[in-house]
N, C-alpha and C. Protein backbone atom coordinates (compact mmCIF):
# COMPACT_ATOMS: atom_id res chain seq x y z
N ARG A 1 -23.64 154.67 42.21
CA ARG A 1 -25.00 154.82 41.73
C ARG A 1 -25.26 156.25 41.29
N CYS A 2 -24.38 156.78 40.51
CA CYS A 2 -24.50 158.17 40.09
C CYS A 2 -24.72 158.30 38.60
N ALA A 3 -25.42 157.35 38.03
CA ALA A 3 -25.81 157.42 36.63
C ALA A 3 -27.10 156.64 36.46
N GLY A 4 -28.01 157.15 35.67
CA GLY A 4 -29.24 156.42 35.43
C GLY A 4 -30.42 157.33 35.18
N ARG A 5 -31.59 156.72 35.17
CA ARG A 5 -32.84 157.44 34.97
C ARG A 5 -33.10 158.32 36.19
N VAL A 6 -33.50 159.55 35.97
CA VAL A 6 -33.81 160.47 37.06
C VAL A 6 -35.22 160.21 37.55
N GLU A 7 -35.35 159.99 38.85
CA GLU A 7 -36.65 159.83 39.48
C GLU A 7 -36.71 160.68 40.73
N VAL A 8 -37.91 161.16 41.05
CA VAL A 8 -38.12 161.97 42.25
C VAL A 8 -39.26 161.38 43.07
N PHE A 9 -39.21 161.64 44.36
CA PHE A 9 -40.23 161.14 45.28
C PHE A 9 -41.11 162.31 45.68
N HIS A 10 -42.41 162.19 45.39
CA HIS A 10 -43.35 163.26 45.73
C HIS A 10 -44.74 162.64 45.90
N GLY A 11 -45.47 163.13 46.86
CA GLY A 11 -46.82 162.64 47.08
C GLY A 11 -46.87 161.17 47.44
N GLY A 12 -45.81 160.70 48.11
CA GLY A 12 -45.77 159.32 48.56
C GLY A 12 -45.38 158.30 47.51
N LYS A 13 -44.91 158.77 46.34
CA LYS A 13 -44.52 157.80 45.32
C LYS A 13 -43.38 158.34 44.45
N TRP A 14 -42.63 157.37 43.90
CA TRP A 14 -41.55 157.69 42.98
C TRP A 14 -42.11 157.88 41.59
N GLY A 15 -41.50 158.77 40.83
CA GLY A 15 -41.88 158.98 39.44
C GLY A 15 -40.73 159.55 38.64
N THR A 16 -40.88 159.54 37.35
CA THR A 16 -39.81 159.95 36.46
C THR A 16 -39.90 161.43 36.11
N VAL A 17 -38.88 161.87 35.38
CA VAL A 17 -38.77 163.24 34.90
C VAL A 17 -38.61 163.18 33.38
N CYS A 18 -39.38 163.96 32.66
CA CYS A 18 -39.29 163.98 31.20
C CYS A 18 -38.08 164.78 30.74
N ASP A 19 -37.62 164.46 29.54
CA ASP A 19 -36.40 165.10 29.02
C ASP A 19 -36.65 166.46 28.37
N ASP A 20 -37.91 166.90 28.24
CA ASP A 20 -38.20 168.20 27.64
C ASP A 20 -37.50 169.32 28.41
N TYR A 21 -36.68 170.11 27.72
CA TYR A 21 -35.94 171.25 28.27
C TYR A 21 -34.86 170.87 29.29
N PHE A 22 -34.73 169.59 29.62
CA PHE A 22 -33.75 169.15 30.61
C PHE A 22 -32.35 169.24 29.98
N ASN A 23 -31.46 170.01 30.61
CA ASN A 23 -30.13 170.22 30.05
C ASN A 23 -29.06 170.03 31.12
N MET A 24 -27.84 170.43 30.81
CA MET A 24 -26.73 170.24 31.75
C MET A 24 -26.93 171.03 33.04
N ASN A 25 -27.60 172.17 33.00
CA ASN A 25 -27.89 172.90 34.24
C ASN A 25 -28.75 172.04 35.16
N SER A 26 -29.78 171.42 34.60
CA SER A 26 -30.66 170.55 35.39
C SER A 26 -29.90 169.32 35.88
N ALA A 27 -29.09 168.74 35.02
CA ALA A 27 -28.29 167.57 35.41
C ALA A 27 -27.32 167.91 36.54
N ASN A 28 -26.73 169.09 36.50
CA ASN A 28 -25.83 169.51 37.57
C ASN A 28 -26.55 169.62 38.90
N VAL A 29 -27.79 170.09 38.88
CA VAL A 29 -28.59 170.17 40.10
C VAL A 29 -28.81 168.76 40.66
N VAL A 30 -29.18 167.81 39.79
CA VAL A 30 -29.40 166.43 40.22
C VAL A 30 -28.12 165.85 40.81
N CYS A 31 -27.01 165.98 40.10
CA CYS A 31 -25.75 165.40 40.57
C CYS A 31 -25.31 166.01 41.89
N ARG A 32 -25.43 167.31 42.01
CA ARG A 32 -25.05 167.99 43.26
C ARG A 32 -25.98 167.58 44.40
N GLN A 33 -27.27 167.45 44.12
CA GLN A 33 -28.25 167.07 45.13
C GLN A 33 -27.94 165.67 45.68
N LEU A 34 -27.42 164.80 44.84
CA LEU A 34 -27.11 163.43 45.25
C LEU A 34 -25.66 163.26 45.71
N ASN A 35 -24.93 164.35 45.84
CA ASN A 35 -23.51 164.29 46.20
C ASN A 35 -22.74 163.41 45.22
N CYS A 36 -23.03 163.58 43.94
CA CYS A 36 -22.42 162.76 42.90
C CYS A 36 -21.52 163.57 41.98
N GLY A 37 -21.01 164.69 42.46
CA GLY A 37 -20.11 165.49 41.63
C GLY A 37 -20.86 166.35 40.64
N GLU A 38 -20.25 166.53 39.48
CA GLU A 38 -20.82 167.35 38.43
C GLU A 38 -21.41 166.47 37.33
N ALA A 39 -22.29 167.05 36.54
CA ALA A 39 -22.88 166.32 35.43
C ALA A 39 -21.85 166.11 34.33
N VAL A 40 -21.85 164.91 33.77
CA VAL A 40 -21.00 164.58 32.63
C VAL A 40 -21.85 164.55 31.37
N SER A 41 -23.10 164.07 31.49
CA SER A 41 -23.94 163.91 30.31
C SER A 41 -25.42 163.88 30.69
N VAL A 42 -26.26 164.38 29.79
CA VAL A 42 -27.70 164.24 29.88
C VAL A 42 -28.11 163.27 28.78
N LEU A 43 -28.89 162.26 29.14
CA LEU A 43 -29.32 161.26 28.16
C LEU A 43 -30.84 161.22 28.14
N GLY A 44 -31.41 161.64 27.04
CA GLY A 44 -32.85 161.65 26.87
C GLY A 44 -33.35 160.39 26.20
N LEU A 45 -34.60 160.44 25.80
CA LEU A 45 -35.23 159.35 25.05
C LEU A 45 -35.11 158.01 25.76
N SER A 46 -35.26 158.02 27.07
CA SER A 46 -35.27 156.79 27.88
C SER A 46 -34.04 155.93 27.67
N TYR A 47 -32.87 156.55 27.61
CA TYR A 47 -31.62 155.82 27.41
C TYR A 47 -31.46 154.68 28.41
N PHE A 48 -31.86 154.91 29.65
CA PHE A 48 -31.73 153.89 30.70
C PHE A 48 -32.98 153.02 30.82
N GLY A 49 -33.83 153.09 29.82
CA GLY A 49 -35.04 152.29 29.81
C GLY A 49 -36.22 153.07 30.35
N PRO A 50 -37.40 152.77 29.82
CA PRO A 50 -38.61 153.45 30.31
C PRO A 50 -39.03 152.89 31.67
N SER A 51 -39.67 153.73 32.44
CA SER A 51 -40.14 153.34 33.77
C SER A 51 -41.62 152.95 33.71
N GLY A 52 -42.03 152.14 34.66
CA GLY A 52 -43.44 151.82 34.80
C GLY A 52 -44.11 152.70 35.84
N LYS A 53 -43.36 153.64 36.38
CA LYS A 53 -43.88 154.53 37.41
C LYS A 53 -44.54 155.74 36.76
N GLY A 54 -45.22 156.54 37.55
CA GLY A 54 -45.84 157.75 37.04
C GLY A 54 -44.79 158.79 36.67
N ILE A 55 -45.21 159.75 35.88
CA ILE A 55 -44.33 160.86 35.50
C ILE A 55 -44.58 162.00 36.48
N GLN A 56 -43.55 162.39 37.20
CA GLN A 56 -43.70 163.43 38.23
C GLN A 56 -43.42 164.84 37.71
N LEU A 57 -42.38 165.00 36.87
CA LEU A 57 -42.00 166.34 36.43
C LEU A 57 -41.78 166.39 34.92
N ASP A 58 -42.11 167.54 34.34
CA ASP A 58 -41.88 167.80 32.92
C ASP A 58 -41.47 169.25 32.76
N ASP A 59 -40.87 169.56 31.64
CA ASP A 59 -40.45 170.93 31.32
C ASP A 59 -39.59 171.54 32.42
N VAL A 60 -38.66 170.75 32.94
CA VAL A 60 -37.77 171.21 34.01
C VAL A 60 -36.71 172.13 33.40
N ARG A 61 -36.62 173.33 33.97
CA ARG A 61 -35.66 174.33 33.49
C ARG A 61 -34.91 174.89 34.68
N CYS A 62 -33.71 174.43 34.88
CA CYS A 62 -32.89 174.89 36.01
C CYS A 62 -31.89 175.95 35.55
N ARG A 63 -31.56 176.84 36.46
CA ARG A 63 -30.47 177.79 36.23
C ARG A 63 -29.14 177.11 36.54
N GLY A 64 -29.20 176.06 37.38
CA GLY A 64 -27.98 175.35 37.76
C GLY A 64 -27.55 175.65 39.17
N THR A 65 -28.18 176.61 39.81
CA THR A 65 -27.80 177.02 41.16
C THR A 65 -28.78 176.50 42.22
N GLU A 66 -29.87 175.89 41.79
CA GLU A 66 -30.90 175.41 42.72
C GLU A 66 -30.35 174.28 43.59
N ALA A 67 -30.89 174.19 44.81
CA ALA A 67 -30.46 173.14 45.75
C ALA A 67 -31.11 171.79 45.42
N HIS A 68 -32.32 171.82 44.87
CA HIS A 68 -33.06 170.60 44.56
C HIS A 68 -33.68 170.71 43.19
N LEU A 69 -33.88 169.59 42.53
CA LEU A 69 -34.48 169.59 41.20
C LEU A 69 -35.86 170.24 41.21
N TRP A 70 -36.63 169.99 42.27
CA TRP A 70 -37.99 170.54 42.33
C TRP A 70 -38.01 172.03 42.61
N ASP A 71 -36.85 172.63 42.91
CA ASP A 71 -36.76 174.08 43.05
C ASP A 71 -36.67 174.77 41.69
N CYS A 72 -36.39 174.00 40.66
CA CYS A 72 -36.28 174.54 39.30
C CYS A 72 -37.69 174.79 38.75
N GLN A 73 -37.76 175.65 37.75
CA GLN A 73 -39.03 175.87 37.07
C GLN A 73 -39.46 174.56 36.42
N HIS A 74 -40.73 174.21 36.55
CA HIS A 74 -41.27 173.01 35.91
C HIS A 74 -42.77 173.18 35.70
N ALA A 75 -43.38 172.24 35.01
CA ALA A 75 -44.80 172.35 34.64
C ALA A 75 -45.75 172.12 35.81
N GLY A 76 -45.24 171.64 36.93
CA GLY A 76 -46.08 171.33 38.09
C GLY A 76 -46.04 169.83 38.35
N TRP A 77 -46.19 169.44 39.60
CA TRP A 77 -46.13 168.03 39.98
C TRP A 77 -47.22 167.24 39.25
N GLY A 78 -46.80 166.21 38.55
CA GLY A 78 -47.74 165.33 37.85
C GLY A 78 -48.29 165.89 36.55
N ARG A 79 -47.93 167.10 36.19
CA ARG A 79 -48.41 167.72 34.94
C ARG A 79 -47.37 167.48 33.86
N HIS A 80 -47.77 166.86 32.78
CA HIS A 80 -46.82 166.56 31.71
C HIS A 80 -47.55 166.32 30.40
N ASN A 81 -46.80 166.42 29.31
CA ASN A 81 -47.29 166.09 27.98
C ASN A 81 -46.29 165.16 27.30
N CYS A 82 -45.79 164.20 28.07
CA CYS A 82 -44.78 163.29 27.55
C CYS A 82 -45.10 161.86 27.98
N GLY A 83 -44.41 160.94 27.38
CA GLY A 83 -44.55 159.53 27.73
C GLY A 83 -43.23 159.01 28.28
N HIS A 84 -43.21 157.76 28.68
CA HIS A 84 -41.99 157.19 29.25
C HIS A 84 -40.88 157.02 28.22
N ASN A 85 -41.18 157.22 26.95
CA ASN A 85 -40.12 157.22 25.96
C ASN A 85 -39.26 158.47 26.06
N GLU A 86 -39.63 159.39 26.96
CA GLU A 86 -38.88 160.62 27.17
C GLU A 86 -38.30 160.71 28.59
N ASP A 87 -38.23 159.60 29.32
CA ASP A 87 -37.62 159.62 30.65
C ASP A 87 -36.17 160.06 30.53
N VAL A 88 -35.78 161.04 31.33
CA VAL A 88 -34.42 161.57 31.24
C VAL A 88 -33.48 160.82 32.17
N GLY A 89 -32.23 160.72 31.76
CA GLY A 89 -31.18 160.13 32.58
C GLY A 89 -29.98 161.06 32.64
N VAL A 90 -29.14 160.87 33.63
CA VAL A 90 -27.91 161.66 33.74
C VAL A 90 -26.74 160.76 34.11
N ILE A 91 -25.56 161.21 33.76
CA ILE A 91 -24.31 160.61 34.19
C ILE A 91 -23.59 161.69 35.00
N CYS A 92 -23.22 161.35 36.22
CA CYS A 92 -22.50 162.29 37.09
C CYS A 92 -21.04 161.87 37.19
N SER A 93 -20.17 162.82 37.51
CA SER A 93 -18.73 162.55 37.54
C SER A 93 -18.34 161.52 38.58
N GLU A 94 -19.07 161.40 39.68
CA GLU A 94 -18.73 160.43 40.71
C GLU A 94 -18.90 158.99 40.23
N GLN A 95 -19.60 158.79 39.10
CA GLN A 95 -19.74 157.46 38.54
C GLN A 95 -18.38 156.94 38.08
N LEU A 96 -17.49 157.83 37.77
CA LEU A 96 -16.20 157.45 37.22
C LEU A 96 -15.21 157.22 38.34
N CYS A 97 -15.32 156.09 39.03
CA CYS A 97 -14.51 155.83 40.22
C CYS A 97 -13.03 155.78 39.89
N HIS A 98 -12.69 155.42 38.67
CA HIS A 98 -11.28 155.41 38.26
C HIS A 98 -10.69 156.79 38.54
N HIS A 99 -11.46 157.82 38.25
CA HIS A 99 -10.98 159.18 38.37
C HIS A 99 -11.07 159.70 39.80
N LEU A 100 -12.12 159.33 40.53
CA LEU A 100 -12.36 159.91 41.85
C LEU A 100 -12.12 158.95 43.01
N GLY A 101 -12.19 157.65 42.76
CA GLY A 101 -11.82 156.67 43.76
C GLY A 101 -12.70 156.56 44.99
N ASN A 102 -13.99 156.82 44.89
CA ASN A 102 -14.86 156.61 46.05
C ASN A 102 -16.21 156.07 45.61
N THR A 103 -17.01 155.66 46.56
CA THR A 103 -18.33 155.11 46.26
C THR A 103 -19.39 156.16 46.49
N PRO A 104 -20.11 156.56 45.44
CA PRO A 104 -21.15 157.56 45.59
C PRO A 104 -22.33 157.06 46.43
N VAL A 105 -23.12 158.00 46.89
CA VAL A 105 -24.26 157.69 47.75
C VAL A 105 -25.55 158.05 47.02
N THR A 106 -26.56 157.22 47.16
CA THR A 106 -27.89 157.55 46.63
C THR A 106 -28.76 158.01 47.79
N HIS A 107 -29.42 159.12 47.60
CA HIS A 107 -30.32 159.67 48.62
C HIS A 107 -31.76 159.43 48.21
N ASP A 108 -32.70 159.74 49.08
CA ASP A 108 -34.12 159.54 48.79
C ASP A 108 -34.66 160.54 47.78
N THR A 109 -33.80 161.41 47.25
CA THR A 109 -34.26 162.42 46.31
C THR A 109 -34.19 161.95 44.88
N GLY A 110 -33.64 160.77 44.62
CA GLY A 110 -33.55 160.30 43.24
C GLY A 110 -33.21 158.84 43.20
N SER A 111 -33.29 158.26 42.02
CA SER A 111 -33.01 156.85 41.87
C SER A 111 -32.13 156.66 40.66
N PHE A 112 -31.00 156.02 40.84
CA PHE A 112 -30.06 155.80 39.76
C PHE A 112 -29.65 154.35 39.70
N SER A 113 -29.48 153.84 38.51
CA SER A 113 -28.88 152.52 38.35
C SER A 113 -27.56 152.72 37.61
N THR A 114 -26.54 152.00 38.01
CA THR A 114 -25.23 152.17 37.41
C THR A 114 -25.27 151.77 35.94
N ALA A 115 -24.73 152.61 35.08
CA ALA A 115 -24.63 152.29 33.67
C ALA A 115 -23.58 153.19 33.04
N LEU A 116 -23.19 152.88 31.83
CA LEU A 116 -22.15 153.63 31.15
C LEU A 116 -22.72 154.39 29.97
N PRO A 117 -22.24 155.61 29.74
CA PRO A 117 -22.74 156.39 28.62
C PRO A 117 -22.07 155.98 27.32
N THR A 118 -22.81 156.04 26.22
CA THR A 118 -22.18 155.80 24.93
C THR A 118 -21.41 157.04 24.51
N ALA A 119 -21.62 158.17 25.19
CA ALA A 119 -20.93 159.40 24.84
C ALA A 119 -19.44 159.32 25.15
N LEU A 120 -19.01 158.41 26.02
CA LEU A 120 -17.60 158.22 26.34
C LEU A 120 -17.11 156.94 25.67
N PRO A 121 -15.88 156.97 25.10
CA PRO A 121 -15.34 155.74 24.51
C PRO A 121 -15.28 154.61 25.54
N LEU A 122 -15.68 153.44 25.11
CA LEU A 122 -15.79 152.28 25.98
C LEU A 122 -15.08 151.11 25.32
N ARG A 123 -14.40 150.28 26.14
CA ARG A 123 -13.75 149.10 25.58
C ARG A 123 -13.73 147.98 26.61
N LEU A 124 -13.47 146.79 26.14
CA LEU A 124 -13.25 145.63 27.00
C LEU A 124 -11.79 145.25 26.86
N ALA A 125 -11.06 145.23 27.97
CA ALA A 125 -9.62 144.93 27.95
C ALA A 125 -9.38 143.53 28.49
N GLY A 126 -8.33 142.88 27.99
CA GLY A 126 -7.93 141.58 28.50
C GLY A 126 -8.83 140.45 28.06
N GLY A 127 -9.59 140.65 27.00
CA GLY A 127 -10.49 139.61 26.50
C GLY A 127 -10.57 139.72 25.00
N ASP A 128 -11.79 139.72 24.47
CA ASP A 128 -11.97 139.92 23.04
C ASP A 128 -13.03 141.01 22.85
N GLN A 129 -13.60 141.08 21.65
CA GLN A 129 -14.55 142.13 21.33
C GLN A 129 -15.74 142.18 22.29
N CYS A 130 -16.17 141.02 22.79
CA CYS A 130 -17.38 140.97 23.62
C CYS A 130 -17.15 140.38 25.00
N SER A 131 -15.92 140.36 25.46
CA SER A 131 -15.65 139.92 26.84
C SER A 131 -14.39 140.59 27.33
N GLY A 132 -14.31 140.81 28.63
CA GLY A 132 -13.12 141.42 29.21
C GLY A 132 -13.48 142.41 30.30
N ARG A 133 -12.48 143.13 30.75
CA ARG A 133 -12.62 144.14 31.80
C ARG A 133 -13.15 145.43 31.18
N VAL A 134 -14.20 146.00 31.77
CA VAL A 134 -14.81 147.23 31.24
C VAL A 134 -13.92 148.42 31.57
N GLU A 135 -13.59 149.18 30.53
CA GLU A 135 -12.81 150.40 30.70
C GLU A 135 -13.45 151.51 29.88
N LEU A 136 -13.29 152.76 30.33
CA LEU A 136 -13.76 153.88 29.55
C LEU A 136 -12.71 154.97 29.55
N TYR A 137 -12.78 155.79 28.51
CA TYR A 137 -11.81 156.87 28.30
C TYR A 137 -12.41 158.16 28.82
N TYR A 138 -11.74 158.75 29.81
CA TYR A 138 -12.25 159.97 30.43
C TYR A 138 -11.09 160.83 30.87
N ASN A 139 -11.18 162.10 30.59
CA ASN A 139 -10.15 163.05 31.02
C ASN A 139 -8.75 162.66 30.54
N GLY A 140 -8.66 162.12 29.33
CA GLY A 140 -7.37 161.84 28.73
C GLY A 140 -6.75 160.49 29.03
N SER A 141 -7.46 159.61 29.72
CA SER A 141 -6.88 158.29 29.99
C SER A 141 -7.95 157.22 30.12
N TRP A 142 -7.53 155.96 29.90
CA TRP A 142 -8.42 154.82 30.08
C TRP A 142 -8.42 154.40 31.53
N GLY A 143 -9.56 154.04 32.06
CA GLY A 143 -9.65 153.58 33.44
C GLY A 143 -10.72 152.53 33.59
N THR A 144 -10.62 151.77 34.65
CA THR A 144 -11.62 150.73 34.91
C THR A 144 -12.86 151.35 35.53
N VAL A 145 -13.93 150.59 35.55
CA VAL A 145 -15.20 151.03 36.10
C VAL A 145 -15.44 150.30 37.41
N CYS A 146 -15.88 151.02 38.43
CA CYS A 146 -16.18 150.41 39.74
C CYS A 146 -17.18 149.28 39.59
N ASP A 147 -17.01 148.24 40.37
CA ASP A 147 -17.99 147.14 40.33
C ASP A 147 -19.00 147.24 41.47
N ASP A 148 -18.95 148.30 42.26
CA ASP A 148 -19.92 148.48 43.34
C ASP A 148 -21.32 148.50 42.75
N SER A 149 -22.17 147.62 43.22
CA SER A 149 -23.56 147.52 42.78
C SER A 149 -23.72 147.14 41.32
N TRP A 150 -22.65 146.66 40.69
CA TRP A 150 -22.71 146.23 39.29
C TRP A 150 -23.57 144.97 39.19
N ASP A 151 -24.44 144.92 38.18
CA ASP A 151 -25.28 143.74 38.02
C ASP A 151 -25.47 143.43 36.54
N LEU A 152 -26.30 142.44 36.26
CA LEU A 152 -26.52 141.99 34.89
C LEU A 152 -27.06 143.11 34.01
N GLU A 153 -27.92 143.95 34.55
CA GLU A 153 -28.47 145.06 33.77
C GLU A 153 -27.35 145.99 33.29
N ASP A 154 -26.37 146.25 34.15
CA ASP A 154 -25.25 147.09 33.77
C ASP A 154 -24.44 146.43 32.65
N ALA A 155 -24.20 145.13 32.80
CA ALA A 155 -23.46 144.39 31.78
C ALA A 155 -24.19 144.43 30.44
N GLN A 156 -25.52 144.36 30.48
CA GLN A 156 -26.30 144.40 29.25
C GLN A 156 -26.18 145.76 28.55
N VAL A 157 -26.10 146.84 29.33
CA VAL A 157 -25.89 148.16 28.74
C VAL A 157 -24.56 148.21 28.01
N VAL A 158 -23.51 147.69 28.65
CA VAL A 158 -22.19 147.65 28.02
C VAL A 158 -22.24 146.82 26.75
N CYS A 159 -22.83 145.64 26.82
CA CYS A 159 -22.91 144.76 25.64
C CYS A 159 -23.64 145.44 24.49
N ARG A 160 -24.77 146.08 24.78
CA ARG A 160 -25.51 146.80 23.73
C ARG A 160 -24.67 147.92 23.14
N SER A 161 -23.96 148.64 24.02
CA SER A 161 -23.14 149.77 23.56
C SER A 161 -22.03 149.32 22.62
N LEU A 162 -21.53 148.11 22.81
CA LEU A 162 -20.44 147.57 21.99
C LEU A 162 -20.94 146.70 20.83
N GLY A 163 -22.25 146.62 20.67
CA GLY A 163 -22.82 145.81 19.60
C GLY A 163 -22.68 144.31 19.83
N CYS A 164 -22.65 143.91 21.10
CA CYS A 164 -22.47 142.49 21.44
C CYS A 164 -23.77 141.82 21.91
N GLY A 165 -24.88 142.41 21.60
CA GLY A 165 -26.16 141.79 21.96
C GLY A 165 -26.69 142.20 23.31
């Protein structure tokens, strides 16, 4: 569960983070905070889908050394000038179980749903164009994707990424 829309818990409720100014430094803080390795990609424009929750943070600017996302400079809790079409997502290295071989942990500091980035080459092996075993190319080799917590939503992301509906 180390890839997906970034959400934070504050004031008794979960909310999203806008993609304004959010970069790899901020993504590294999120990934490290969740014990999910290093950031592989930042995905803006609600890549993982818009949320129905409130927007908690905007204009997040991290140096990359902060312990928590909320330690980074930001516009203030609940202060934003964005909509859910700007919910930010991240992909962390621990998502790539082929490479690291373990199951990442989700903490109460964020919410992630498993999904694959279009930034990495993706294919279906042992089937045809729209069916087969999900594999992605990372660090010079093709590898399978962990099925831990895999669900229909994850499969739909893969299908959309491959133009299979």
